[in-house]
Amino acid sequence: TLSNGLPVVVKKSAASRVRNISLVVRGGSAAASPATAGYEALALRTMARGSEKYGYEDIQDMLDETSSYIGSSAAFDGSSYSLNTLDKYFDRLFPVWVDTVTRPSFRQEDFDQELANAKLALQAKEKEPWAKTGLAMNDLFFAGHPYAASPDGTAASLAAATLDAVKAWYASRVRANAL
């Protein structure tokens, strides 16, 4: 545990040259309301698009050059924000990843792009029979339960999403006592 209360778990494997670091955020959609469902995923994906020091194009160029990945996953009980890279690129990319975590730029155009992507993904799920069935089952099974808030959001929650709301999620959740 770091001096600021942040828990750190380190697991090393000499069998692989792939390095992964993940920030795990407690809460997930279970900590959201149906009205704010999907905001966590939007915040994490928008964070990956830039920081105060690194713009979207710079980050994408570095990731492409190194076949690396910065990504996120939102779930019911928590979320993660990760860097995956080969060991020889870790020292180059780790500062980029840290900057996107600690000083995300949250540019309006980046948020707008991620919001559009989230809406398209939800529309695709609603058109695909198995995914649509899963959404309907979750709505029925989790009605009135904290899991009623979908990690991906709903048509209504995404329609109401704003950059300010995503920034508010970040300010309240990406801090040592919330991780």
N, C-alpha and C. Protein backbone atom coordinates (compact mmCIF):
# COMPACT_ATOMS: atom_id res chain seq x y z
N THR A 1 0.85 -1.18 0.00
CA THR A 1 0.00 0.00 0.00
C THR A 1 0.89 1.24 0.00
N LEU A 2 0.64 2.13 -0.95
CA LEU A 2 1.42 3.35 -1.01
C LEU A 2 1.05 4.28 0.14
N SER A 3 1.85 5.29 0.36
CA SER A 3 1.62 6.21 1.47
C SER A 3 0.28 6.95 1.36
N ASN A 4 -0.27 7.06 0.14
CA ASN A 4 -1.56 7.73 -0.03
C ASN A 4 -2.74 6.77 0.11
N GLY A 5 -2.46 5.51 0.48
CA GLY A 5 -3.51 4.53 0.68
C GLY A 5 -3.84 3.70 -0.53
N LEU A 6 -3.20 3.94 -1.65
CA LEU A 6 -3.47 3.21 -2.88
C LEU A 6 -2.89 1.80 -2.80
N PRO A 7 -3.73 0.77 -2.94
CA PRO A 7 -3.20 -0.59 -2.92
C PRO A 7 -2.52 -0.92 -4.25
N VAL A 8 -1.39 -1.60 -4.18
CA VAL A 8 -0.64 -1.99 -5.37
C VAL A 8 -0.37 -3.49 -5.29
N VAL A 9 -0.68 -4.19 -6.37
CA VAL A 9 -0.42 -5.62 -6.44
C VAL A 9 0.57 -5.84 -7.58
N VAL A 10 1.67 -6.51 -7.30
CA VAL A 10 2.69 -6.78 -8.30
C VAL A 10 2.80 -8.29 -8.46
N LYS A 11 2.71 -8.74 -9.70
CA LYS A 11 2.89 -10.15 -10.00
C LYS A 11 3.85 -10.24 -11.17
N LYS A 12 4.98 -10.91 -10.98
CA LYS A 12 5.98 -11.03 -12.04
C LYS A 12 5.98 -12.44 -12.58
N SER A 13 6.21 -12.52 -13.90
CA SER A 13 6.35 -13.81 -14.55
C SER A 13 7.53 -13.74 -15.51
N ALA A 14 8.53 -14.55 -15.27
CA ALA A 14 9.69 -14.59 -16.15
C ALA A 14 9.37 -15.31 -17.47
N ALA A 15 8.21 -15.92 -17.54
CA ALA A 15 7.84 -16.68 -18.73
C ALA A 15 7.32 -15.80 -19.86
N SER A 16 7.09 -14.52 -19.59
CA SER A 16 6.50 -13.65 -20.61
C SER A 16 7.20 -12.30 -20.63
N ARG A 17 7.36 -11.76 -21.83
CA ARG A 17 7.94 -10.43 -21.98
C ARG A 17 6.85 -9.36 -22.00
N VAL A 18 5.60 -9.78 -21.94
CA VAL A 18 4.49 -8.83 -21.95
C VAL A 18 4.32 -8.26 -20.55
N ARG A 19 4.20 -6.94 -20.50
CA ARG A 19 3.97 -6.26 -19.23
C ARG A 19 2.58 -5.66 -19.25
N ASN A 20 1.93 -5.73 -18.13
CA ASN A 20 0.58 -5.18 -17.99
C ASN A 20 0.51 -4.45 -16.66
N ILE A 21 -0.07 -3.28 -16.70
CA ILE A 21 -0.37 -2.57 -15.47
C ILE A 21 -1.82 -2.13 -15.57
N SER A 22 -2.54 -2.32 -14.48
CA SER A 22 -3.96 -1.97 -14.47
C SER A 22 -4.31 -1.17 -13.22
N LEU A 23 -5.06 -0.12 -13.44
CA LEU A 23 -5.68 0.62 -12.36
C LEU A 23 -7.07 0.01 -12.20
N VAL A 24 -7.39 -0.44 -11.01
CA VAL A 24 -8.70 -1.04 -10.76
C VAL A 24 -9.50 -0.06 -9.92
N VAL A 25 -10.67 0.27 -10.43
CA VAL A 25 -11.55 1.23 -9.76
C VAL A 25 -12.72 0.46 -9.16
N ARG A 26 -12.89 0.55 -7.87
CA ARG A 26 -14.02 -0.11 -7.21
C ARG A 26 -15.33 0.60 -7.54
N GLY A 27 -16.38 -0.14 -7.51
CA GLY A 27 -17.70 0.45 -7.70
C GLY A 27 -18.40 -0.11 -8.91
N GLY A 28 -17.91 0.21 -10.09
CA GLY A 28 -18.55 -0.25 -11.30
C GLY A 28 -19.95 0.31 -11.44
N SER A 29 -20.73 -0.32 -12.30
CA SER A 29 -22.08 0.18 -12.53
C SER A 29 -22.97 -0.01 -11.30
N ALA A 30 -22.57 -0.91 -10.38
CA ALA A 30 -23.35 -1.09 -9.16
C ALA A 30 -23.32 0.17 -8.30
N ALA A 31 -22.30 1.01 -8.50
CA ALA A 31 -22.20 2.26 -7.75
C ALA A 31 -22.87 3.42 -8.50
N ALA A 32 -23.42 3.12 -9.67
CA ALA A 32 -24.09 4.14 -10.47
C ALA A 32 -25.60 3.97 -10.35
N SER A 33 -26.30 4.95 -10.83
CA SER A 33 -27.75 4.83 -10.93
C SER A 33 -28.09 4.52 -12.38
N PRO A 34 -29.28 4.02 -12.66
CA PRO A 34 -29.64 3.83 -14.07
C PRO A 34 -29.49 5.12 -14.89
N ALA A 35 -29.66 6.26 -14.26
CA ALA A 35 -29.53 7.54 -14.99
C ALA A 35 -28.08 7.84 -15.37
N THR A 36 -27.11 7.29 -14.63
CA THR A 36 -25.69 7.55 -14.92
C THR A 36 -24.98 6.29 -15.41
N ALA A 37 -25.74 5.29 -15.80
CA ALA A 37 -25.14 4.04 -16.31
C ALA A 37 -24.28 4.34 -17.52
N GLY A 38 -23.10 3.76 -17.54
CA GLY A 38 -22.19 3.91 -18.67
C GLY A 38 -21.22 5.07 -18.54
N TYR A 39 -21.40 5.93 -17.55
CA TYR A 39 -20.51 7.08 -17.42
C TYR A 39 -19.09 6.66 -17.07
N GLU A 40 -18.96 5.60 -16.29
CA GLU A 40 -17.64 5.09 -15.92
C GLU A 40 -16.88 4.65 -17.16
N ALA A 41 -17.53 3.87 -18.01
CA ALA A 41 -16.90 3.41 -19.25
C ALA A 41 -16.53 4.59 -20.14
N LEU A 42 -17.42 5.57 -20.24
CA LEU A 42 -17.14 6.77 -21.04
C LEU A 42 -15.93 7.52 -20.50
N ALA A 43 -15.83 7.67 -19.20
CA ALA A 43 -14.71 8.38 -18.59
C ALA A 43 -13.40 7.68 -18.89
N LEU A 44 -13.37 6.37 -18.69
CA LEU A 44 -12.13 5.62 -18.91
C LEU A 44 -11.70 5.65 -20.37
N ARG A 45 -12.65 5.50 -21.28
CA ARG A 45 -12.30 5.53 -22.71
C ARG A 45 -11.87 6.94 -23.14
N THR A 46 -12.46 7.96 -22.57
CA THR A 46 -12.06 9.33 -22.90
C THR A 46 -10.67 9.62 -22.34
N MET A 47 -10.37 9.08 -21.15
CA MET A 47 -9.03 9.26 -20.57
C MET A 47 -7.95 8.73 -21.51
N ALA A 48 -8.21 7.62 -22.18
CA ALA A 48 -7.22 6.99 -23.05
C ALA A 48 -6.93 7.82 -24.30
N ARG A 49 -7.75 8.81 -24.56
CA ARG A 49 -7.61 9.61 -25.77
C ARG A 49 -6.67 10.81 -25.60
N GLY A 50 -6.21 11.07 -24.39
CA GLY A 50 -5.27 12.17 -24.25
C GLY A 50 -5.10 12.63 -22.82
N SER A 51 -3.98 13.31 -22.61
CA SER A 51 -3.66 13.88 -21.31
C SER A 51 -3.13 15.29 -21.51
N GLU A 52 -2.74 15.92 -20.43
CA GLU A 52 -2.18 17.26 -20.55
C GLU A 52 -0.91 17.28 -21.39
N LYS A 53 -0.14 16.20 -21.31
CA LYS A 53 1.16 16.15 -22.01
C LYS A 53 1.09 15.44 -23.36
N TYR A 54 0.18 14.48 -23.51
CA TYR A 54 0.14 13.65 -24.71
C TYR A 54 -1.23 13.75 -25.38
N GLY A 55 -1.23 14.13 -26.65
CA GLY A 55 -2.46 14.19 -27.41
C GLY A 55 -2.83 12.83 -27.98
N TYR A 56 -4.05 12.72 -28.47
CA TYR A 56 -4.56 11.47 -29.02
C TYR A 56 -3.65 10.92 -30.12
N GLU A 57 -3.28 11.75 -31.07
CA GLU A 57 -2.46 11.27 -32.18
C GLU A 57 -1.10 10.78 -31.71
N ASP A 58 -0.50 11.51 -30.75
CA ASP A 58 0.80 11.10 -30.20
C ASP A 58 0.70 9.73 -29.53
N ILE A 59 -0.35 9.56 -28.74
CA ILE A 59 -0.55 8.29 -28.03
C ILE A 59 -0.76 7.17 -29.03
N GLN A 60 -1.61 7.40 -30.01
CA GLN A 60 -1.89 6.36 -31.00
C GLN A 60 -0.64 5.99 -31.79
N ASP A 61 0.18 6.99 -32.16
CA ASP A 61 1.42 6.71 -32.87
C ASP A 61 2.35 5.83 -32.04
N MET A 62 2.50 6.16 -30.75
CA MET A 62 3.38 5.35 -29.88
C MET A 62 2.84 3.93 -29.72
N LEU A 63 1.53 3.81 -29.54
CA LEU A 63 0.94 2.48 -29.38
C LEU A 63 1.08 1.66 -30.66
N ASP A 64 0.86 2.30 -31.80
CA ASP A 64 1.01 1.60 -33.08
C ASP A 64 2.45 1.16 -33.32
N GLU A 65 3.40 2.05 -33.05
CA GLU A 65 4.82 1.73 -33.24
C GLU A 65 5.27 0.55 -32.40
N THR A 66 4.68 0.39 -31.25
CA THR A 66 5.12 -0.63 -30.29
C THR A 66 4.17 -1.82 -30.17
N SER A 67 3.11 -1.81 -30.97
CA SER A 67 2.07 -2.86 -30.89
C SER A 67 1.56 -3.00 -29.46
N SER A 68 1.34 -1.87 -28.82
CA SER A 68 0.88 -1.84 -27.43
C SER A 68 -0.57 -1.40 -27.37
N TYR A 69 -1.11 -1.41 -26.16
CA TYR A 69 -2.53 -1.13 -26.01
C TYR A 69 -2.79 -0.44 -24.68
N ILE A 70 -3.56 0.64 -24.74
CA ILE A 70 -4.13 1.24 -23.53
C ILE A 70 -5.63 1.05 -23.67
N GLY A 71 -6.23 0.41 -22.69
CA GLY A 71 -7.66 0.15 -22.78
C GLY A 71 -8.32 0.09 -21.43
N SER A 72 -9.61 -0.09 -21.48
CA SER A 72 -10.38 -0.12 -20.24
C SER A 72 -11.49 -1.15 -20.34
N SER A 73 -11.99 -1.50 -19.18
CA SER A 73 -13.09 -2.43 -19.08
C SER A 73 -13.98 -1.98 -17.93
N ALA A 74 -15.26 -1.84 -18.21
CA ALA A 74 -16.21 -1.47 -17.16
C ALA A 74 -17.11 -2.67 -16.89
N ALA A 75 -17.38 -2.92 -15.63
CA ALA A 75 -18.19 -4.07 -15.24
C ALA A 75 -19.13 -3.68 -14.10
N PHE A 76 -19.84 -4.66 -13.57
CA PHE A 76 -20.81 -4.39 -12.51
C PHE A 76 -20.16 -3.93 -11.20
N ASP A 77 -19.06 -4.56 -10.80
CA ASP A 77 -18.48 -4.27 -9.49
C ASP A 77 -17.20 -3.45 -9.53
N GLY A 78 -16.73 -3.10 -10.69
CA GLY A 78 -15.51 -2.32 -10.79
C GLY A 78 -15.09 -2.19 -12.24
N SER A 79 -14.03 -1.45 -12.44
CA SER A 79 -13.52 -1.23 -13.77
C SER A 79 -12.01 -1.26 -13.73
N SER A 80 -11.41 -1.38 -14.92
CA SER A 80 -9.96 -1.34 -14.98
C SER A 80 -9.51 -0.47 -16.15
N TYR A 81 -8.34 0.08 -16.00
CA TYR A 81 -7.71 0.93 -17.01
C TYR A 81 -6.28 0.43 -17.13
N SER A 82 -5.91 -0.09 -18.31
CA SER A 82 -4.69 -0.87 -18.42
C SER A 82 -3.76 -0.44 -19.53
N LEU A 83 -2.50 -0.80 -19.35
CA LEU A 83 -1.47 -0.69 -20.38
C LEU A 83 -0.91 -2.09 -20.59
N ASN A 84 -0.87 -2.53 -21.85
CA ASN A 84 -0.24 -3.80 -22.22
C ASN A 84 0.85 -3.50 -23.24
N THR A 85 2.06 -3.95 -22.96
CA THR A 85 3.18 -3.69 -23.86
C THR A 85 4.28 -4.72 -23.61
N LEU A 86 5.20 -4.81 -24.55
CA LEU A 86 6.38 -5.64 -24.33
C LEU A 86 7.30 -4.93 -23.34
N ASP A 87 8.10 -5.72 -22.63
CA ASP A 87 8.99 -5.16 -21.62
C ASP A 87 9.91 -4.08 -22.17
N LYS A 88 10.37 -4.21 -23.40
CA LYS A 88 11.32 -3.24 -23.95
C LYS A 88 10.68 -1.87 -24.20
N TYR A 89 9.35 -1.78 -24.22
CA TYR A 89 8.66 -0.51 -24.43
C TYR A 89 8.02 0.05 -23.15
N PHE A 90 8.09 -0.71 -22.08
CA PHE A 90 7.40 -0.31 -20.86
C PHE A 90 7.88 1.05 -20.35
N ASP A 91 9.19 1.26 -20.29
CA ASP A 91 9.72 2.52 -19.75
C ASP A 91 9.30 3.71 -20.61
N ARG A 92 9.07 3.50 -21.88
CA ARG A 92 8.62 4.58 -22.77
C ARG A 92 7.12 4.87 -22.60
N LEU A 93 6.32 3.82 -22.42
CA LEU A 93 4.87 3.98 -22.40
C LEU A 93 4.27 4.18 -21.01
N PHE A 94 4.96 3.73 -19.98
CA PHE A 94 4.42 3.88 -18.64
C PHE A 94 4.14 5.35 -18.29
N PRO A 95 5.05 6.30 -18.59
CA PRO A 95 4.75 7.71 -18.29
C PRO A 95 3.52 8.23 -19.06
N VAL A 96 3.31 7.72 -20.25
CA VAL A 96 2.13 8.12 -21.03
C VAL A 96 0.87 7.65 -20.32
N TRP A 97 0.87 6.37 -19.93
CA TRP A 97 -0.28 5.79 -19.24
C TRP A 97 -0.55 6.55 -17.93
N VAL A 98 0.49 6.81 -17.16
CA VAL A 98 0.33 7.53 -15.89
C VAL A 98 -0.26 8.91 -16.13
N ASP A 99 0.20 9.61 -17.18
CA ASP A 99 -0.32 10.94 -17.46
C ASP A 99 -1.80 10.90 -17.83
N THR A 100 -2.22 9.86 -18.57
CA THR A 100 -3.64 9.76 -18.91
C THR A 100 -4.49 9.45 -17.68
N VAL A 101 -3.90 8.80 -16.69
CA VAL A 101 -4.63 8.52 -15.44
C VAL A 101 -4.68 9.75 -14.55
N THR A 102 -3.55 10.40 -14.38
CA THR A 102 -3.47 11.48 -13.40
C THR A 102 -3.83 12.86 -13.95
N ARG A 103 -3.68 13.04 -15.26
CA ARG A 103 -3.97 14.35 -15.86
C ARG A 103 -4.68 14.19 -17.21
N PRO A 104 -5.82 13.51 -17.23
CA PRO A 104 -6.52 13.34 -18.52
C PRO A 104 -6.96 14.70 -19.06
N SER A 105 -6.92 14.83 -20.38
CA SER A 105 -7.29 16.12 -20.97
C SER A 105 -8.80 16.32 -21.01
N PHE A 106 -9.56 15.24 -21.13
CA PHE A 106 -11.02 15.32 -21.21
C PHE A 106 -11.46 16.40 -22.20
N ARG A 107 -10.93 16.32 -23.43
CA ARG A 107 -11.35 17.26 -24.47
C ARG A 107 -12.76 16.93 -24.93
N GLN A 108 -13.53 17.94 -25.25
CA GLN A 108 -14.91 17.75 -25.67
C GLN A 108 -14.99 16.85 -26.90
N GLU A 109 -14.11 17.04 -27.87
CA GLU A 109 -14.16 16.23 -29.09
C GLU A 109 -13.85 14.75 -28.81
N ASP A 110 -12.98 14.49 -27.84
CA ASP A 110 -12.70 13.10 -27.46
C ASP A 110 -13.91 12.47 -26.79
N PHE A 111 -14.53 13.22 -25.90
CA PHE A 111 -15.75 12.73 -25.24
C PHE A 111 -16.84 12.47 -26.28
N ASP A 112 -17.03 13.42 -27.20
CA ASP A 112 -18.06 13.26 -28.23
C ASP A 112 -17.83 12.00 -29.05
N GLN A 113 -16.57 11.73 -29.39
CA GLN A 113 -16.26 10.51 -30.17
C GLN A 113 -16.58 9.26 -29.37
N GLU A 114 -16.19 9.22 -28.10
CA GLU A 114 -16.45 8.04 -27.28
C GLU A 114 -17.94 7.87 -26.99
N LEU A 115 -18.66 8.96 -26.84
CA LEU A 115 -20.10 8.89 -26.65
C LEU A 115 -20.76 8.32 -27.90
N ALA A 116 -20.34 8.78 -29.06
CA ALA A 116 -20.88 8.25 -30.32
C ALA A 116 -20.57 6.76 -30.45
N ASN A 117 -19.36 6.36 -30.09
CA ASN A 117 -18.99 4.94 -30.13
C ASN A 117 -19.87 4.11 -29.19
N ALA A 118 -20.12 4.64 -27.99
CA ALA A 118 -20.94 3.92 -27.01
C ALA A 118 -22.37 3.77 -27.52
N LYS A 119 -22.90 4.81 -28.12
CA LYS A 119 -24.27 4.74 -28.65
C LYS A 119 -24.35 3.73 -29.80
N LEU A 120 -23.35 3.72 -30.68
CA LEU A 120 -23.34 2.74 -31.77
C LEU A 120 -23.22 1.31 -31.26
N ALA A 121 -22.38 1.11 -30.24
CA ALA A 121 -22.23 -0.24 -29.66
C ALA A 121 -23.54 -0.71 -29.04
N LEU A 122 -24.24 0.19 -28.37
CA LEU A 122 -25.53 -0.17 -27.76
C LEU A 122 -26.56 -0.48 -28.85
N GLN A 123 -26.59 0.30 -29.90
CA GLN A 123 -27.50 0.03 -31.02
C GLN A 123 -27.21 -1.34 -31.63
N ALA A 124 -25.94 -1.68 -31.77
CA ALA A 124 -25.56 -2.98 -32.33
C ALA A 124 -26.04 -4.11 -31.42
N LYS A 125 -25.90 -3.93 -30.11
CA LYS A 125 -26.38 -4.95 -29.17
C LYS A 125 -27.89 -5.13 -29.27
N GLU A 126 -28.58 -4.03 -29.44
CA GLU A 126 -30.04 -4.10 -29.50
C GLU A 126 -30.54 -4.74 -30.80
N LYS A 127 -29.67 -4.84 -31.80
CA LYS A 127 -30.05 -5.46 -33.07
C LYS A 127 -29.61 -6.91 -33.17
N GLU A 128 -28.67 -7.31 -32.34
CA GLU A 128 -28.15 -8.68 -32.37
C GLU A 128 -28.97 -9.53 -31.39
N PRO A 129 -29.61 -10.61 -31.86
CA PRO A 129 -30.56 -11.35 -31.01
C PRO A 129 -30.01 -11.83 -29.67
N TRP A 130 -28.82 -12.42 -29.64
CA TRP A 130 -28.28 -12.93 -28.37
C TRP A 130 -27.98 -11.79 -27.40
N ALA A 131 -27.37 -10.74 -27.91
CA ALA A 131 -27.06 -9.59 -27.05
C ALA A 131 -28.33 -8.93 -26.55
N LYS A 132 -29.32 -8.80 -27.42
CA LYS A 132 -30.59 -8.19 -27.03
C LYS A 132 -31.27 -9.03 -25.95
N THR A 133 -31.20 -10.33 -26.08
CA THR A 133 -31.76 -11.22 -25.06
C THR A 133 -31.05 -11.03 -23.73
N GLY A 134 -29.74 -10.91 -23.77
CA GLY A 134 -28.97 -10.68 -22.54
C GLY A 134 -29.35 -9.37 -21.87
N LEU A 135 -29.53 -8.32 -22.67
CA LEU A 135 -29.95 -7.03 -22.11
C LEU A 135 -31.33 -7.15 -21.45
N ALA A 136 -32.24 -7.83 -22.13
CA ALA A 136 -33.60 -7.99 -21.59
C ALA A 136 -33.57 -8.82 -20.30
N MET A 137 -32.76 -9.89 -20.28
CA MET A 137 -32.65 -10.72 -19.07
C MET A 137 -32.09 -9.90 -17.91
N ASN A 138 -31.05 -9.11 -18.17
CA ASN A 138 -30.48 -8.28 -17.10
C ASN A 138 -31.51 -7.28 -16.58
N ASP A 139 -32.28 -6.66 -17.49
CA ASP A 139 -33.32 -5.72 -17.06
C ASP A 139 -34.32 -6.39 -16.14
N LEU A 140 -34.73 -7.59 -16.50
CA LEU A 140 -35.72 -8.33 -15.70
C LEU A 140 -35.13 -8.84 -14.40
N PHE A 141 -33.98 -9.49 -14.52
CA PHE A 141 -33.37 -10.14 -13.37
C PHE A 141 -32.89 -9.14 -12.32
N PHE A 142 -32.35 -8.01 -12.76
CA PHE A 142 -31.74 -7.05 -11.84
C PHE A 142 -32.62 -5.83 -11.55
N ALA A 143 -33.87 -5.87 -11.92
CA ALA A 143 -34.76 -4.73 -11.64
C ALA A 143 -34.75 -4.41 -10.14
N GLY A 144 -34.49 -3.15 -9.81
CA GLY A 144 -34.45 -2.74 -8.41
C GLY A 144 -33.16 -3.09 -7.68
N HIS A 145 -32.22 -3.70 -8.35
CA HIS A 145 -30.94 -4.12 -7.77
C HIS A 145 -29.85 -3.16 -8.25
N PRO A 146 -28.74 -3.03 -7.50
CA PRO A 146 -27.66 -2.16 -7.99
C PRO A 146 -27.13 -2.56 -9.37
N TYR A 147 -27.25 -3.82 -9.75
CA TYR A 147 -26.79 -4.24 -11.08
C TYR A 147 -27.74 -3.81 -12.19
N ALA A 148 -28.81 -3.12 -11.86
CA ALA A 148 -29.73 -2.64 -12.89
C ALA A 148 -29.06 -1.61 -13.79
N ALA A 149 -28.04 -0.94 -13.31
CA ALA A 149 -27.31 0.04 -14.12
C ALA A 149 -26.29 -0.70 -14.97
N SER A 150 -26.51 -0.72 -16.26
CA SER A 150 -25.63 -1.42 -17.19
C SER A 150 -24.27 -0.74 -17.28
N PRO A 151 -23.18 -1.51 -17.25
CA PRO A 151 -21.85 -0.90 -17.39
C PRO A 151 -21.69 -0.14 -18.71
N ASP A 152 -22.42 -0.55 -19.74
CA ASP A 152 -22.31 0.10 -21.05
C ASP A 152 -23.25 1.28 -21.21
N GLY A 153 -24.17 1.45 -20.27
CA GLY A 153 -25.15 2.51 -20.37
C GLY A 153 -26.41 2.06 -21.07
N THR A 154 -27.37 2.92 -21.07
CA THR A 154 -28.64 2.68 -21.75
C THR A 154 -28.86 3.82 -22.74
N ALA A 155 -29.85 3.66 -23.60
CA ALA A 155 -30.15 4.74 -24.54
C ALA A 155 -30.43 6.03 -23.79
N ALA A 156 -31.18 5.94 -22.70
CA ALA A 156 -31.54 7.14 -21.93
C ALA A 156 -30.32 7.74 -21.22
N SER A 157 -29.50 6.90 -20.58
CA SER A 157 -28.36 7.44 -19.85
C SER A 157 -27.32 8.03 -20.80
N LEU A 158 -27.11 7.39 -21.94
CA LEU A 158 -26.14 7.92 -22.90
C LEU A 158 -26.66 9.21 -23.55
N ALA A 159 -27.98 9.29 -23.75
CA ALA A 159 -28.55 10.53 -24.32
C ALA A 159 -28.36 11.71 -23.37
N ALA A 160 -28.31 11.43 -22.08
CA ALA A 160 -28.17 12.50 -21.08
C ALA A 160 -26.71 12.75 -20.68
N ALA A 161 -25.79 11.93 -21.16
CA ALA A 161 -24.38 12.03 -20.75
C ALA A 161 -23.76 13.34 -21.21
N THR A 162 -22.95 13.92 -20.33
CA THR A 162 -22.22 15.15 -20.64
C THR A 162 -20.77 14.99 -20.21
N LEU A 163 -19.92 15.80 -20.79
CA LEU A 163 -18.52 15.79 -20.39
C LEU A 163 -18.38 16.17 -18.92
N ASP A 164 -19.16 17.12 -18.45
CA ASP A 164 -19.09 17.52 -17.04
C ASP A 164 -19.45 16.36 -16.12
N ALA A 165 -20.42 15.54 -16.51
CA ALA A 165 -20.81 14.39 -15.69
C ALA A 165 -19.70 13.35 -15.65
N VAL A 166 -19.02 13.16 -16.77
CA VAL A 166 -17.90 12.22 -16.83
C VAL A 166 -16.74 12.73 -15.99
N LYS A 167 -16.47 14.01 -16.06
CA LYS A 167 -15.41 14.60 -15.22
C LYS A 167 -15.76 14.45 -13.73
N ALA A 168 -17.02 14.61 -13.40
CA ALA A 168 -17.45 14.45 -12.00
C ALA A 168 -17.23 13.01 -11.54
N TRP A 169 -17.52 12.04 -12.42
CA TRP A 169 -17.26 10.64 -12.06
C TRP A 169 -15.77 10.47 -11.78
N TYR A 170 -14.92 10.97 -12.66
CA TYR A 170 -13.47 10.86 -12.50
C TYR A 170 -13.03 11.47 -11.16
N ALA A 171 -13.51 12.67 -10.87
CA ALA A 171 -13.11 13.35 -9.63
C ALA A 171 -13.52 12.57 -8.39
N SER A 172 -14.64 11.88 -8.47
CA SER A 172 -15.12 11.16 -7.28
C SER A 172 -14.57 9.74 -7.16
N ARG A 173 -14.16 9.14 -8.27
CA ARG A 173 -13.79 7.73 -8.22
C ARG A 173 -12.30 7.45 -8.42
N VAL A 174 -11.58 8.26 -9.14
CA VAL A 174 -10.16 8.00 -9.39
C VAL A 174 -9.35 8.77 -8.36
N ARG A 175 -9.33 8.20 -7.16
CA ARG A 175 -8.60 8.75 -6.03
C ARG A 175 -8.28 7.60 -5.09
N ALA A 176 -7.28 7.77 -4.28
CA ALA A 176 -6.76 6.65 -3.47
C ALA A 176 -7.82 5.99 -2.60
N ASN A 177 -8.67 6.73 -1.94
CA ASN A 177 -9.62 6.08 -1.03
C ASN A 177 -10.80 5.46 -1.75
N ALA A 178 -10.89 5.64 -3.07
CA ALA A 178 -11.97 5.02 -3.83
C ALA A 178 -11.47 3.83 -4.66
N LEU A 179 -10.16 3.65 -4.75
CA LEU A 179 -9.59 2.58 -5.58
C LEU A 179 -9.41 1.30 -4.81
